[in-house]
């Protein structure tokens, strides 16, 4: 019964995440959703800025603090280890749902592309960004990243094994394609309102900060192997490392960490 409940919990957390991700595409691109980033303003400017900053900060804190190894070590004394990742995913999704629900639109247009061709190109670029995000999750094991692999292995009675760190496809060219995809998705828009600009600046700042914490943890775990990978692959902008530094982009850290 316990194994079944954990499996159902993990599946439920994943379904909520996937629905939230799909809604986020419409939210950012002002698509077919009840409320999006560019909905009509309802509140005074300062109030809207404070609310939006608070919502974004809440998501950033939850996302970063719960991802740290020290927190996980403490957290798994409370939450059973097989559902730790699913719980993280669920709470992240709930923070996003709260953001979508309570987001305060802000009036004002920073730039606007009137050309139909330009609009299509920018919206396509934004969708490409979201596509890069989704593909990147599958490259590093989508089901492990979102907790399904953990609850499934517990359900079938197998001991969970941590995945080796590999550098497939996108990861040969940039160390953080997930973040790169989100940045493309958030900045590529034919109509940049004040609300969208605020969202893009805040999330970009968060991602650049999160990278520092993540790489600190990776260096601590993989040591000189990750440092070598860091020298060989740029952080976010492809093809910005010199050829003499490209020693591991065609292989994987799994191989050199043995």
C-alpha atoms as a PDB file:
ATOM      1  CA  UNK A   1       0.000   0.000   0.000  1.00  0.00           C
ATOM      2  CA  UNK A   2       2.826   2.399   0.893  1.00  0.00           C
ATOM      3  CA  UNK A   3       4.558   1.763  -2.420  1.00  0.00           C
ATOM      4  CA  UNK A   4       1.303   2.335  -4.304  1.00  0.00           C
ATOM      5  CA  UNK A   5       0.602   5.578  -2.452  1.00  0.00           C
ATOM      6  CA  UNK A   6       4.112   6.866  -3.150  1.00  0.00           C
ATOM      7  CA  UNK A   7       3.740   5.996  -6.842  1.00  0.00           C
ATOM      8  CA  UNK A   8       0.365   7.762  -7.077  1.00  0.00           C
ATOM      9  CA  UNK A   9       1.804  10.774  -5.248  1.00  0.00           C
ATOM     10  CA  UNK A  10       4.707  10.951  -7.691  1.00  0.00           C
ATOM     11  CA  UNK A  11       2.404  10.667 -10.708  1.00  0.00           C
ATOM     12  CA  UNK A  12       0.085  13.360  -9.295  1.00  0.00           C
ATOM     13  CA  UNK A  13       3.029  15.702  -8.662  1.00  0.00           C
ATOM     14  CA  UNK A  14       4.216  15.130 -12.231  1.00  0.00           C
ATOM     15  CA  UNK A  15       0.770  15.773 -13.754  1.00  0.00           C
ATOM     16  CA  UNK A  16       0.492  19.042 -11.799  1.00  0.00           C
ATOM     17  CA  UNK A  17       3.988  20.030 -12.956  1.00  0.00           C
ATOM     18  CA  UNK A  18       3.259  19.267 -16.614  1.00  0.00           C
ATOM     19  CA  UNK A  19      -0.021  21.201 -16.549  1.00  0.00           C
ATOM     20  CA  UNK A  20       1.790  24.109 -14.894  1.00  0.00           C
ATOM     21  CA  UNK A  21       4.542  24.038 -17.521  1.00  0.00           C
ATOM     22  CA  UNK A  22       1.971  24.101 -20.335  1.00  0.00           C
ATOM     23  CA  UNK A  23       0.154  27.004 -18.670  1.00  0.00           C
ATOM     24  CA  UNK A  24       3.461  28.877 -18.294  1.00  0.00           C
ATOM     25  CA  UNK A  25       3.912  28.820 -22.079  1.00  0.00           C
ATOM     26  CA  UNK A  26       0.563  30.590 -22.500  1.00  0.00           C
ATOM     27  CA  UNK A  27       1.244  32.893 -19.547  1.00  0.00           C
ATOM     28  CA  UNK A  28       4.552  34.174 -20.938  1.00  0.00           C
ATOM     29  CA  UNK A  29       3.452  34.327 -24.588  1.00  0.00           C
ATOM     30  CA  UNK A  30       0.060  35.895 -23.712  1.00  0.00           C
ATOM     31  CA  UNK A  31      -1.632  32.866 -25.228  1.00  0.00           C
ATOM     32  CA  UNK A  32      -4.999  31.248 -24.623  1.00  0.00           C
ATOM     33  CA  UNK A  33      -5.047  31.261 -20.809  1.00  0.00           C
ATOM     34  CA  UNK A  34      -7.459  33.035 -18.410  1.00  0.00           C
ATOM     35  CA  UNK A  35      -4.744  35.349 -17.101  1.00  0.00           C
ATOM     36  CA  UNK A  36      -1.370  36.064 -18.656  1.00  0.00           C
ATOM     37  CA  UNK A  37       1.641  38.285 -18.157  1.00  0.00           C
ATOM     38  CA  UNK A  38       0.128  41.120 -20.224  1.00  0.00           C
ATOM     39  CA  UNK A  39      -3.435  41.083 -18.900  1.00  0.00           C
ATOM     40  CA  UNK A  40      -5.050  44.463 -18.205  1.00  0.00           C
ATOM     41  CA  UNK A  41      -3.607  46.232 -15.115  1.00  0.00           C
ATOM     42  CA  UNK A  42      -5.894  46.246 -12.077  1.00  0.00           C
ATOM     43  CA  UNK A  43      -3.725  47.809  -9.349  1.00  0.00           C
ATOM     44  CA  UNK A  44      -1.440  50.831  -8.761  1.00  0.00           C
ATOM     45  CA  UNK A  45       2.084  50.511 -10.153  1.00  0.00           C
ATOM     46  CA  UNK A  46       4.008  50.253  -6.852  1.00  0.00           C
ATOM     47  CA  UNK A  47       1.585  47.698  -5.441  1.00  0.00           C
ATOM     48  CA  UNK A  48       1.868  45.634  -8.622  1.00  0.00           C
ATOM     49  CA  UNK A  49       5.678  45.748  -8.544  1.00  0.00           C
ATOM     50  CA  UNK A  50       5.819  44.689  -4.887  1.00  0.00           C
ATOM     51  CA  UNK A  51       3.397  41.808  -5.394  1.00  0.00           C
ATOM     52  CA  UNK A  52       5.154  40.546  -8.523  1.00  0.00           C
ATOM     53  CA  UNK A  53       8.586  40.832  -6.910  1.00  0.00           C
ATOM     54  CA  UNK A  54       7.321  38.897  -3.899  1.00  0.00           C
ATOM     55  CA  UNK A  55       5.846  36.125  -6.043  1.00  0.00           C
ATOM     56  CA  UNK A  56       9.019  35.760  -8.100  1.00  0.00           C
ATOM     57  CA  UNK A  57      11.189  35.826  -4.963  1.00  0.00           C
ATOM     58  CA  UNK A  58       9.079  33.118  -3.323  1.00  0.00           C
ATOM     59  CA  UNK A  59       9.551  30.842  -6.319  1.00  0.00           C
ATOM     60  CA  UNK A  60      13.293  31.597  -6.463  1.00  0.00           C
ATOM     61  CA  UNK A  61      13.783  30.847  -2.757  1.00  0.00           C
ATOM     62  CA  UNK A  62      11.822  27.608  -2.886  1.00  0.00           C
ATOM     63  CA  UNK A  63      13.576  26.496  -6.055  1.00  0.00           C
ATOM     64  CA  UNK A  64      17.093  27.252  -4.810  1.00  0.00           C
ATOM     65  CA  UNK A  65      16.954  26.424  -1.096  1.00  0.00           C
ATOM     66  CA  UNK A  66      15.276  23.042  -1.571  1.00  0.00           C
ATOM     67  CA  UNK A  67      17.788  22.106  -4.282  1.00  0.00           C
ATOM     68  CA  UNK A  68      20.813  22.460  -2.012  1.00  0.00           C
ATOM     69  CA  UNK A  69      22.391  19.192  -0.762  1.00  0.00           C
ATOM     70  CA  UNK A  70      22.424  20.364   2.881  1.00  0.00           C
ATOM     71  CA  UNK A  71      18.690  21.054   2.774  1.00  0.00           C
ATOM     72  CA  UNK A  72      17.997  17.689   1.115  1.00  0.00           C
ATOM     73  CA  UNK A  73      19.953  15.898   3.830  1.00  0.00           C
ATOM     74  CA  UNK A  74      17.775  17.540   6.492  1.00  0.00           C
ATOM     75  CA  UNK A  75      14.557  17.342   4.462  1.00  0.00           C
ATOM     76  CA  UNK A  76      14.774  13.574   3.933  1.00  0.00           C
ATOM     77  CA  UNK A  77      14.594  13.103   7.703  1.00  0.00           C
ATOM     78  CA  UNK A  78      11.018  14.419   7.411  1.00  0.00           C
ATOM     79  CA  UNK A  79       9.982  13.443   3.878  1.00  0.00           C
ATOM     80  CA  UNK A  80      10.629   9.834   2.769  1.00  0.00           C
ATOM     81  CA  UNK A  81      13.496   9.739   0.297  1.00  0.00           C
ATOM     82  CA  UNK A  82      11.523   8.088  -2.578  1.00  0.00           C
ATOM     83  CA  UNK A  83       9.135  11.080  -2.707  1.00  0.00           C
ATOM     84  CA  UNK A  84      11.631  13.837  -1.904  1.00  0.00           C
ATOM     85  CA  UNK A  85      12.014  14.871  -5.545  1.00  0.00           C
ATOM     86  CA  UNK A  86       8.274  14.636  -6.211  1.00  0.00           C
ATOM     87  CA  UNK A  87       7.630  16.887  -3.209  1.00  0.00           C
ATOM     88  CA  UNK A  88      10.152  19.408  -4.511  1.00  0.00           C
ATOM     89  CA  UNK A  89       8.474  19.352  -7.931  1.00  0.00           C
ATOM     90  CA  UNK A  90       4.999  19.710  -6.376  1.00  0.00           C
ATOM     91  CA  UNK A  91       5.986  22.688  -4.216  1.00  0.00           C
ATOM     92  CA  UNK A  92       7.703  24.386  -7.176  1.00  0.00           C
ATOM     93  CA  UNK A  93       4.529  23.907  -9.227  1.00  0.00           C
ATOM     94  CA  UNK A  94       2.361  25.320  -6.440  1.00  0.00           C
ATOM     95  CA  UNK A  95       4.612  28.405  -6.232  1.00  0.00           C
ATOM     96  CA  UNK A  96       4.170  28.909  -9.984  1.00  0.00           C
ATOM     97  CA  UNK A  97       0.407  28.422  -9.756  1.00  0.00           C
ATOM     98  CA  UNK A  98       0.318  31.071  -7.022  1.00  0.00           C
ATOM     99  CA  UNK A  99       2.360  33.377  -9.280  1.00  0.00           C
ATOM    100  CA  UNK A 100      -0.040  32.868 -12.207  1.00  0.00           C
ATOM    101  CA  UNK A 101      -3.044  33.451  -9.944  1.00  0.00           C
ATOM    102  CA  UNK A 102      -1.819  36.543  -8.093  1.00  0.00           C
ATOM    103  CA  UNK A 103       0.315  38.137 -10.832  1.00  0.00           C
ATOM    104  CA  UNK A 104      -0.324  41.874 -11.121  1.00  0.00           C
ATOM    105  CA  UNK A 105      -0.080  43.102 -14.750  1.00  0.00           C
ATOM    106  CA  UNK A 106       1.644  46.440 -15.330  1.00  0.00           C
ATOM    107  CA  UNK A 107       0.727  48.858 -18.090  1.00  0.00           C
ATOM    108  CA  UNK A 108       3.164  50.378 -20.571  1.00  0.00           C
ATOM    109  CA  UNK A 109       4.848  49.082 -23.718  1.00  0.00           C
ATOM    110  CA  UNK A 110       8.649  49.034 -23.958  1.00  0.00           C
ATOM    111  CA  UNK A 111       8.759  47.805 -27.536  1.00  0.00           C
ATOM    112  CA  UNK A 112       6.303  46.437 -30.042  1.00  0.00           C
ATOM    113  CA  UNK A 113       6.863  44.716 -33.379  1.00  0.00           C
ATOM    114  CA  UNK A 114       4.045  45.483 -35.800  1.00  0.00           C
ATOM    115  CA  UNK A 115       5.250  43.380 -38.724  1.00  0.00           C
ATOM    116  CA  UNK A 116       3.362  40.085 -38.948  1.00  0.00           C
ATOM    117  CA  UNK A 117       6.559  38.360 -40.051  1.00  0.00           C
ATOM    118  CA  UNK A 118       8.414  39.817 -37.074  1.00  0.00           C
ATOM    119  CA  UNK A 119       5.673  38.712 -34.675  1.00  0.00           C
ATOM    120  CA  UNK A 120       5.735  35.170 -36.029  1.00  0.00           C
ATOM    121  CA  UNK A 121       9.537  34.995 -35.846  1.00  0.00           C
ATOM    122  CA  UNK A 122       9.689  36.225 -32.240  1.00  0.00           C
ATOM    123  CA  UNK A 123       6.860  33.972 -31.070  1.00  0.00           C
ATOM    124  CA  UNK A 124       8.519  31.047 -32.844  1.00  0.00           C
ATOM    125  CA  UNK A 125      11.793  31.891 -31.115  1.00  0.00           C
ATOM    126  CA  UNK A 126      10.018  31.943 -27.763  1.00  0.00           C
ATOM    127  CA  UNK A 127       8.478  28.517 -28.479  1.00  0.00           C
ATOM    128  CA  UNK A 128      11.927  27.292 -29.523  1.00  0.00           C
ATOM    129  CA  UNK A 129      13.198  28.378 -26.114  1.00  0.00           C
ATOM    130  CA  UNK A 130      10.523  26.348 -24.344  1.00  0.00           C
ATOM    131  CA  UNK A 131      11.352  23.450 -26.683  1.00  0.00           C
ATOM    132  CA  UNK A 132      15.033  23.624 -25.690  1.00  0.00           C
ATOM    133  CA  UNK A 133      13.971  23.455 -22.046  1.00  0.00           C
ATOM    134  CA  UNK A 134      11.830  20.359 -22.605  1.00  0.00           C
ATOM    135  CA  UNK A 135      14.400  18.551 -24.763  1.00  0.00           C
ATOM    136  CA  UNK A 136      17.147  19.332 -22.228  1.00  0.00           C
ATOM    137  CA  UNK A 137      15.162  17.621 -19.461  1.00  0.00           C
ATOM    138  CA  UNK A 138      14.989  14.429 -21.536  1.00  0.00           C
ATOM    139  CA  UNK A 139      18.707  14.604 -22.283  1.00  0.00           C
ATOM    140  CA  UNK A 140      19.500  14.396 -18.564  1.00  0.00           C
ATOM    141  CA  UNK A 141      16.600  11.994 -17.791  1.00  0.00           C
ATOM    142  CA  UNK A 142      13.257  13.788 -17.658  1.00  0.00           C
ATOM    143  CA  UNK A 143      11.643  11.203 -15.375  1.00  0.00           C
ATOM    144  CA  UNK A 144      14.407  11.342 -12.782  1.00  0.00           C
ATOM    145  CA  UNK A 145      14.408  15.137 -12.823  1.00  0.00           C
ATOM    146  CA  UNK A 146      10.701  15.238 -11.982  1.00  0.00           C
ATOM    147  CA  UNK A 147      10.600  12.394  -9.479  1.00  0.00           C
ATOM    148  CA  UNK A 148       8.890   9.637 -11.471  1.00  0.00           C
ATOM    149  CA  UNK A 149      11.962   7.400 -11.689  1.00  0.00           C
ATOM    150  CA  UNK A 150      12.422   7.539  -7.918  1.00  0.00           C
ATOM    151  CA  UNK A 151       8.874   6.485  -7.027  1.00  0.00           C
ATOM    152  CA  UNK A 152       8.828   3.827  -9.756  1.00  0.00           C
ATOM    153  CA  UNK A 153      12.061   2.199  -8.555  1.00  0.00           C
ATOM    154  CA  UNK A 154      10.695   2.199  -5.006  1.00  0.00           C
ATOM    155  CA  UNK A 155       7.433   0.676  -6.265  1.00  0.00           C
ATOM    156  CA  UNK A 156       9.201  -2.222  -8.019  1.00  0.00           C
ATOM    157  CA  UNK A 157      11.581  -2.767  -5.101  1.00  0.00           C
ATOM    158  CA  UNK A 158      14.795  -1.543  -6.721  1.00  0.00           C
ATOM    159  CA  UNK A 159      17.386   0.546  -4.943  1.00  0.00           C
ATOM    160  CA  UNK A 160      17.606   4.041  -6.364  1.00  0.00           C
ATOM    161  CA  UNK A 161      20.838   4.740  -8.218  1.00  0.00           C
ATOM    162  CA  UNK A 162      22.033   8.279  -8.784  1.00  0.00           C
ATOM    163  CA  UNK A 163      22.483   9.067 -12.449  1.00  0.00           C
ATOM    164  CA  UNK A 164      25.977   9.676 -13.744  1.00  0.00           C
ATOM    165  CA  UNK A 165      26.667  13.182 -14.967  1.00  0.00           C
ATOM    166  CA  UNK A 166      26.784  13.199 -18.761  1.00  0.00           C
ATOM    167  CA  UNK A 167      27.108  15.946 -21.363  1.00  0.00           C
ATOM    168  CA  UNK A 168      24.867  14.908 -24.278  1.00  0.00           C
ATOM    169  CA  UNK A 169      23.883  17.103 -27.246  1.00  0.00           C
ATOM    170  CA  UNK A 170      23.075  20.620 -25.932  1.00  0.00           C
ATOM    171  CA  UNK A 171      25.373  20.032 -22.950  1.00  0.00           C
ATOM    172  CA  UNK A 172      28.348  19.775 -25.273  1.00  0.00           C
ATOM    173  CA  UNK A 173      27.842  23.400 -26.280  1.00  0.00           C
ATOM    174  CA  UNK A 174      26.585  25.070 -23.088  1.00  0.00           C
ATOM    175  CA  UNK A 175      26.624  23.958 -19.470  1.00  0.00           C
ATOM    176  CA  UNK A 176      23.088  25.176 -18.750  1.00  0.00           C
ATOM    177  CA  UNK A 177      20.798  24.703 -21.777  1.00  0.00           C
ATOM    178  CA  UNK A 178      17.737  24.644 -19.508  1.00  0.00           C
ATOM    179  CA  UNK A 179      18.406  28.187 -18.371  1.00  0.00           C
ATOM    180  CA  UNK A 180      19.362  29.271 -21.884  1.00  0.00           C
ATOM    181  CA  UNK A 181      16.032  27.959 -23.171  1.00  0.00           C
ATOM    182  CA  UNK A 182      14.089  29.843 -20.513  1.00  0.00           C
ATOM    183  CA  UNK A 183      15.961  33.075 -21.259  1.00  0.00           C
ATOM    184  CA  UNK A 184      15.178  32.781 -24.960  1.00  0.00           C
ATOM    185  CA  UNK A 185      11.523  32.034 -24.167  1.00  0.00           C
ATOM    186  CA  UNK A 186      11.188  34.991 -21.786  1.00  0.00           C
ATOM    187  CA  UNK A 187      12.976  37.645 -23.862  1.00  0.00           C
ATOM    188  CA  UNK A 188      11.722  36.775 -27.361  1.00  0.00           C
ATOM    189  CA  UNK A 189       8.411  38.599 -27.607  1.00  0.00           C
ATOM    190  CA  UNK A 190       6.870  40.910 -30.205  1.00  0.00           C
ATOM    191  CA  UNK A 191       5.333  43.053 -27.451  1.00  0.00           C
ATOM    192  CA  UNK A 192       7.546  43.789 -24.465  1.00  0.00           C
ATOM    193  CA  UNK A 193       5.348  45.365 -21.800  1.00  0.00           C
ATOM    194  CA  UNK A 194       6.634  46.737 -18.501  1.00  0.00           C
ATOM    195  CA  UNK A 195       5.289  43.623 -16.749  1.00  0.00           C
ATOM    196  CA  UNK A 196       7.017  41.283 -19.201  1.00  0.00           C
ATOM    197  CA  UNK A 197      10.286  43.219 -18.914  1.00  0.00           C
ATOM    198  CA  UNK A 198      10.120  43.085 -15.115  1.00  0.00           C
ATOM    199  CA  UNK A 199       9.449  39.335 -15.282  1.00  0.00           C
ATOM    200  CA  UNK A 200      12.315  38.758 -17.751  1.00  0.00           C
ATOM    201  CA  UNK A 201      14.817  40.801 -15.725  1.00  0.00           C
ATOM    202  CA  UNK A 202      13.882  39.157 -12.419  1.00  0.00           C
ATOM    203  CA  UNK A 203      13.953  35.602 -13.778  1.00  0.00           C
ATOM    204  CA  UNK A 204      17.209  36.178 -15.672  1.00  0.00           C
ATOM    205  CA  UNK A 205      18.817  37.574 -12.520  1.00  0.00           C
ATOM    206  CA  UNK A 206      17.604  34.555 -10.574  1.00  0.00           C
ATOM    207  CA  UNK A 207      18.937  32.090 -13.157  1.00  0.00           C
ATOM    208  CA  UNK A 208      22.365  33.752 -13.286  1.00  0.00           C
ATOM    209  CA  UNK A 209      22.512  33.589  -9.484  1.00  0.00           C
ATOM    210  CA  UNK A 210      21.239  29.992  -9.345  1.00  0.00           C
ATOM    211  CA  UNK A 211      23.972  28.904 -11.754  1.00  0.00           C
ATOM    212  CA  UNK A 212      26.631  30.009  -9.267  1.00  0.00           C
ATOM    213  CA  UNK A 213      25.122  27.910  -6.475  1.00  0.00           C
ATOM    214  CA  UNK A 214      24.593  24.900  -8.738  1.00  0.00           C
ATOM    215  CA  UNK A 215      28.124  24.985 -10.101  1.00  0.00           C
ATOM    216  CA  UNK A 216      29.531  25.326  -6.576  1.00  0.00           C
ATOM    217  CA  UNK A 217      27.696  22.093  -5.657  1.00  0.00           C
ATOM    218  CA  UNK A 218      28.841  20.362  -8.870  1.00  0.00           C
ATOM    219  CA  UNK A 219      32.468  21.332  -8.322  1.00  0.00           C
ATOM    220  CA  UNK A 220      32.215  20.087  -4.746  1.00  0.00           C
ATOM    221  CA  UNK A 221      30.807  16.763  -5.976  1.00  0.00           C
ATOM    222  CA  UNK A 222      32.864  16.165  -9.142  1.00  0.00           C
ATOM    223  CA  UNK A 223      35.957  18.199  -8.272  1.00  0.00           C
ATOM    224  CA  UNK A 224      38.525  18.684 -11.031  1.00  0.00           C
ATOM    225  CA  UNK A 225      36.337  16.806 -13.521  1.00  0.00           C
ATOM    226  CA  UNK A 226      33.644  19.470 -13.432  1.00  0.00           C
ATOM    227  CA  UNK A 227      36.292  22.199 -13.507  1.00  0.00           C
ATOM    228  CA  UNK A 228      37.615  20.667 -16.728  1.00  0.00           C
ATOM    229  CA  UNK A 229      34.103  20.576 -18.160  1.00  0.00           C
ATOM    230  CA  UNK A 230      33.628  24.193 -17.077  1.00  0.00           C
ATOM    231  CA  UNK A 231      36.753  25.180 -18.991  1.00  0.00           C
ATOM    232  CA  UNK A 232      35.611  23.316 -22.106  1.00  0.00           C
ATOM    233  CA  UNK A 233      31.953  24.400 -22.372  1.00  0.00           C
ATOM    234  CA  UNK A 234      30.586  27.955 -22.050  1.00  0.00           C
ATOM    235  CA  UNK A 235      27.970  28.727 -19.430  1.00  0.00           C
ATOM    236  CA  UNK A 236      25.159  29.989 -21.670  1.00  0.00           C
ATOM    237  CA  UNK A 237      26.433  31.277 -25.020  1.00  0.00           C
ATOM    238  CA  UNK A 238      27.477  28.499 -27.453  1.00  0.00           C
ATOM    239  CA  UNK A 239      30.808  28.555 -29.292  1.00  0.00           C
ATOM    240  CA  UNK A 240      32.449  31.101 -26.995  1.00  0.00           C
ATOM    241  CA  UNK A 241      35.189  28.784 -25.674  1.00  0.00           C
ATOM    242  CA  UNK A 242      38.505  28.545 -27.502  1.00  0.00           C
ATOM    243  CA  UNK A 243      39.295  25.290 -29.324  1.00  0.00           C
ATOM    244  CA  UNK A 244      42.262  24.493 -27.032  1.00  0.00           C
ATOM    245  CA  UNK A 245      39.914  24.240 -24.051  1.00  0.00           C
ATOM    246  CA  UNK A 246      37.481  21.797 -25.686  1.00  0.00           C
ATOM    247  CA  UNK A 247      38.643  18.511 -24.242  1.00  0.00           C
ATOM    248  CA  UNK A 248      35.521  16.877 -22.770  1.00  0.00           C
ATOM    249  CA  UNK A 249      32.605  18.194 -24.797  1.00  0.00           C
ATOM    250  CA  UNK A 250      32.614  15.092 -26.983  1.00  0.00           C
ATOM    251  CA  UNK A 251      32.571  12.734 -24.014  1.00  0.00           C
ATOM    252  CA  UNK A 252      30.893  12.677 -20.667  1.00  0.00           C
ATOM    253  CA  UNK A 253      31.789  13.358 -17.079  1.00  0.00           C
ATOM    254  CA  UNK A 254      30.581   9.855 -16.330  1.00  0.00           C
ATOM    255  CA  UNK A 255      33.605   8.510 -18.168  1.00  0.00           C
ATOM    256  CA  UNK A 256      36.217  10.737 -16.585  1.00  0.00           C
ATOM    257  CA  UNK A 257      34.811  10.416 -13.059  1.00  0.00           C
ATOM    258  CA  UNK A 258      35.360   6.639 -12.883  1.00  0.00           C
END
